[in-house]
C-alpha cells in the first residue's frame, strides 16, 4: 500500500507475499501451485496478524488453482476448509497409516455423527485415562469395562431383537446371563 517513500497501513485481506510454482503447458506458463501470506484481523502498531494459504491446481481441463490448506493467525489449520475453528479442522475423511498407534483426541462435527472406522480386521477401543472402557471387535461384538458405570441408553437395530450379554468371555463366547429384547 502506498509507495516506498510514503507507505500506507495495510488492511485485512492484503496480500503480503506469494510463492508461485508455474508449469509450461506448450503454449504458456500457468500458475499451478502457490503459497500466499495475507493480513487478517486488526492491523496496528507492532501488530499484523496473518494467514497462510496453500493451493494446488485441479486435474481438469482448464486447471483451477484451489486452496487446499490454511493456517490462521491463531495457529489453527484447516485442510479442505477455510473454517479453522480449532487446532485442526479437516473436511472429508482422514486416512491413517497402518501402525498409527492411538488417537488421543477426536471430536466430531456437532451436526453429524462421529464415525470411526477400522480396517484390516482390527477392532476399535475407546480408552479413558489409559484404560479401555469400550471395545468393538471386528465382528461387531461390543464390550465395555464394568467400571464404566450405568448404561443410560442402548439403541439396537429396528429389524431384529436387541441382545445383551453379560459376563462374555471373548475367547469362548460363554455368558453368565443373556437378555433378549423384542
Protein backbone atom coordinates (compact mmCIF):
# COMPACT_ATOMS: atom_id res chain seq x y z
CA UNK A 1 0.00 0.00 0.00
CA UNK A 2 1.22 3.41 -0.84
CA UNK A 3 4.76 3.90 -2.15
CA UNK A 4 8.14 3.15 -0.55
CA UNK A 5 8.62 6.84 0.13
CA UNK A 6 5.16 7.21 1.73
CA UNK A 7 3.80 3.78 2.78
CA UNK A 8 0.21 3.31 3.94
CA UNK A 9 -1.05 0.97 6.67
CA UNK A 10 -2.21 -2.33 5.22
CA UNK A 11 -5.74 -3.60 5.77
CA UNK A 12 -7.11 -7.05 6.49
CA UNK A 13 -7.02 -9.22 3.37
CA UNK A 14 -3.96 -7.56 1.79
CA UNK A 15 -1.54 -9.92 0.04
CA UNK A 16 1.83 -9.64 1.82
CA UNK A 17 3.75 -12.16 -0.25
CA UNK A 18 3.32 -15.12 -2.58
CA UNK A 19 5.38 -18.10 -3.73
CA UNK A 20 4.26 -19.37 -7.14
CA UNK A 21 5.07 -22.64 -8.90
CA UNK A 22 4.41 -22.46 -12.64
CA UNK A 23 4.44 -25.05 -15.40
CA UNK A 24 4.63 -24.68 -19.16
CA UNK A 25 1.71 -26.36 -20.99
CA UNK A 26 3.10 -25.98 -24.52
CA UNK A 27 1.75 -22.51 -25.10
CA UNK A 28 2.12 -20.57 -21.84
CA UNK A 29 3.31 -20.76 -18.25
CA UNK A 30 0.46 -21.47 -15.81
CA UNK A 31 0.41 -20.91 -12.04
CA UNK A 32 -0.15 -24.47 -10.78
CA UNK A 33 0.56 -24.09 -7.04
CA UNK A 34 1.09 -21.26 -4.62
CA UNK A 35 1.56 -20.25 -1.01
CA UNK A 36 0.05 -16.91 -0.05
CA UNK A 37 0.72 -14.77 3.00
CA UNK A 38 -2.13 -12.37 3.78
CA UNK A 39 -3.04 -9.93 6.53
CA UNK A 40 -6.11 -10.61 8.62
CA UNK A 41 -7.89 -9.08 11.58
CA UNK A 42 -7.00 -5.81 13.24
CA UNK A 43 -3.80 -4.14 11.99
CA UNK A 44 -1.97 -1.81 14.37
CA UNK A 45 1.44 -0.70 15.63
CA UNK A 46 3.60 -3.84 16.11
CA UNK A 47 0.59 -5.96 15.16
CA UNK A 48 -0.02 -7.54 11.74
CA UNK A 49 -1.87 -10.87 12.14
CA UNK A 50 -1.51 -13.13 9.11
CA UNK A 51 -2.80 -16.26 7.47
CA UNK A 52 -1.05 -18.62 5.07
CA UNK A 53 -2.89 -20.48 2.32
CA UNK A 54 -1.62 -23.40 0.24
CA UNK A 55 -3.18 -24.01 -3.18
CA UNK A 56 -2.77 -26.60 -5.93
CA UNK A 57 -4.25 -26.91 -9.41
CA UNK A 58 -7.10 -29.28 -10.15
CA UNK A 59 -6.66 -32.17 -12.60
CA UNK A 60 -9.33 -30.94 -15.03
CA UNK A 61 -9.32 -29.32 -18.43
CA UNK A 62 -8.54 -25.72 -17.62
CA UNK A 63 -6.91 -26.38 -14.26
CA UNK A 64 -8.17 -24.19 -11.44
CA UNK A 65 -5.90 -23.06 -8.61
CA UNK A 66 -7.75 -24.21 -5.47
CA UNK A 67 -6.98 -23.57 -1.80
CA UNK A 68 -6.22 -26.88 -0.06
CA UNK A 69 -4.92 -25.81 3.37
CA UNK A 70 -4.92 -22.70 5.56
CA UNK A 71 -3.11 -21.70 8.74
CA UNK A 72 -4.81 -18.84 10.55
CA UNK A 73 -3.41 -16.18 12.88
CA UNK A 74 -4.20 -18.35 15.93
CA UNK A 75 -2.19 -21.27 14.51
CA UNK A 76 -5.30 -23.29 13.63
CA UNK A 77 -5.02 -25.44 10.50
CA UNK A 78 -7.82 -26.13 8.03
CA UNK A 79 -7.43 -28.87 5.41
CA UNK A 80 -10.07 -28.78 2.70
CA UNK A 81 -11.80 -25.93 4.53
CA UNK A 82 -11.09 -22.30 5.27
CA UNK A 83 -13.06 -22.61 8.52
CA UNK A 84 -10.33 -23.00 11.11
CA UNK A 85 -12.14 -23.03 14.45
CA UNK A 86 -9.84 -25.46 16.30
CA UNK A 87 -6.24 -26.62 16.12
CA UNK A 88 -7.06 -28.94 13.20
CA UNK A 89 -10.18 -28.88 11.00
CA UNK A 90 -10.43 -31.42 8.20
CA UNK A 91 -13.21 -31.51 5.61
CA UNK A 92 -13.65 -35.08 4.43
CA UNK A 93 -12.23 -38.40 5.56
CA UNK A 94 -8.84 -38.85 7.21
CA UNK A 95 -6.81 -41.96 6.44
CA UNK A 96 -4.25 -43.22 8.94
CA UNK A 97 -1.30 -45.44 8.04
CA UNK A 98 -1.02 -48.93 9.49
CA UNK A 99 0.62 -48.87 12.90
CA UNK A 100 -0.60 -45.38 13.71
CA UNK A 101 -0.78 -46.19 17.40
CA UNK A 102 -3.50 -44.22 19.12
CA UNK A 103 -5.63 -41.18 18.54
CA UNK A 104 -5.57 -39.11 21.72
CA UNK A 105 -8.34 -36.63 20.84
CA UNK A 106 -11.12 -36.88 18.28
CA UNK A 107 -14.07 -34.51 18.18
CA UNK A 108 -16.74 -34.87 15.55
CA UNK A 109 -18.95 -32.24 13.93
CA UNK A 110 -21.85 -31.06 16.07
CA UNK A 111 -24.40 -31.61 13.30
CA UNK A 112 -23.41 -35.18 12.35
CA UNK A 113 -22.48 -38.49 13.96
CA UNK A 114 -18.80 -39.13 14.60
CA UNK A 115 -17.73 -42.11 12.50
CA UNK A 116 -14.71 -44.18 13.48
CA UNK A 117 -13.90 -46.96 11.03
CA UNK A 118 -11.37 -49.76 11.46
CA UNK A 119 -9.95 -51.76 8.58
CA UNK A 120 -7.86 -54.89 8.09
CA UNK A 121 -9.92 -56.89 10.61
CA UNK A 122 -8.99 -54.65 13.52
CA UNK A 123 -11.31 -53.63 16.31
CA UNK A 124 -11.81 -50.26 17.96
CA UNK A 125 -11.03 -49.46 21.61
CA UNK A 126 -12.13 -46.33 23.41
CA UNK A 127 -9.88 -45.51 26.34
CA UNK A 128 -10.17 -43.08 29.22
CA UNK A 129 -7.10 -42.33 31.36
CA UNK A 130 -5.22 -45.18 29.69
CA UNK A 131 -7.83 -47.83 30.50
CA UNK A 132 -10.02 -49.44 27.80
CA UNK A 133 -13.66 -48.67 28.56
CA UNK A 134 -15.42 -49.76 25.36
CA UNK A 135 -14.23 -52.26 22.74
CA UNK A 136 -15.75 -53.29 19.45
CA UNK A 137 -14.27 -56.36 17.78
CA UNK A 138 -14.03 -56.56 14.01
CA UNK A 139 -17.00 -58.97 14.20
CA UNK A 140 -19.11 -56.15 15.63
CA UNK A 141 -19.21 -57.57 19.18
CA UNK A 142 -19.34 -54.67 21.65
CA UNK A 143 -18.00 -54.98 25.19
CA UNK A 144 -17.35 -52.49 27.95
CA UNK A 145 -15.40 -52.34 31.17
CA UNK A 146 -17.64 -52.98 34.19
CA UNK A 147 -16.20 -49.85 35.80
CA UNK A 148 -17.82 -47.73 33.09
CA UNK A 149 -20.94 -47.07 35.16
CA UNK A 150 -24.63 -47.35 34.36
CA UNK A 151 -25.95 -47.65 30.84
CA UNK A 152 -28.48 -44.85 30.37
CA UNK A 153 -29.42 -45.60 26.77
CA UNK A 154 -28.86 -48.57 24.48
CA UNK A 155 -30.24 -48.49 20.96
CA UNK A 156 -30.44 -51.56 18.76
CA UNK A 157 -31.41 -52.32 15.18
CA UNK A 158 -35.09 -51.92 14.40
CA UNK A 159 -35.31 -55.03 12.23
CA UNK A 160 -34.20 -57.63 14.79
CA UNK A 161 -34.14 -58.13 18.58
CA UNK A 162 -31.54 -56.39 20.69
CA UNK A 163 -29.41 -58.95 22.53
CA UNK A 164 -27.49 -58.00 25.65
CA UNK A 165 -24.95 -60.46 27.06
CA UNK A 166 -23.28 -60.00 30.38
CA UNK A 167 -20.11 -61.71 31.52
CA UNK A 168 -18.99 -62.54 27.98
CA UNK A 169 -15.63 -64.26 27.74
CA UNK A 170 -14.36 -63.16 24.31
CA UNK A 171 -12.20 -66.28 23.90
CA UNK A 172 -15.03 -68.78 24.50
CA UNK A 173 -18.08 -66.54 23.92
CA UNK A 174 -19.64 -68.07 27.05
CA UNK A 175 -22.05 -65.93 29.03
CA UNK A 176 -23.38 -65.77 32.56
CA UNK A 177 -26.68 -64.11 31.55
CA UNK A 178 -28.40 -63.23 28.29
CA UNK A 179 -31.20 -60.72 27.82
CA UNK A 180 -33.16 -60.63 24.57
CA UNK A 181 -35.47 -57.67 23.97
CA UNK A 182 -38.17 -57.98 21.32
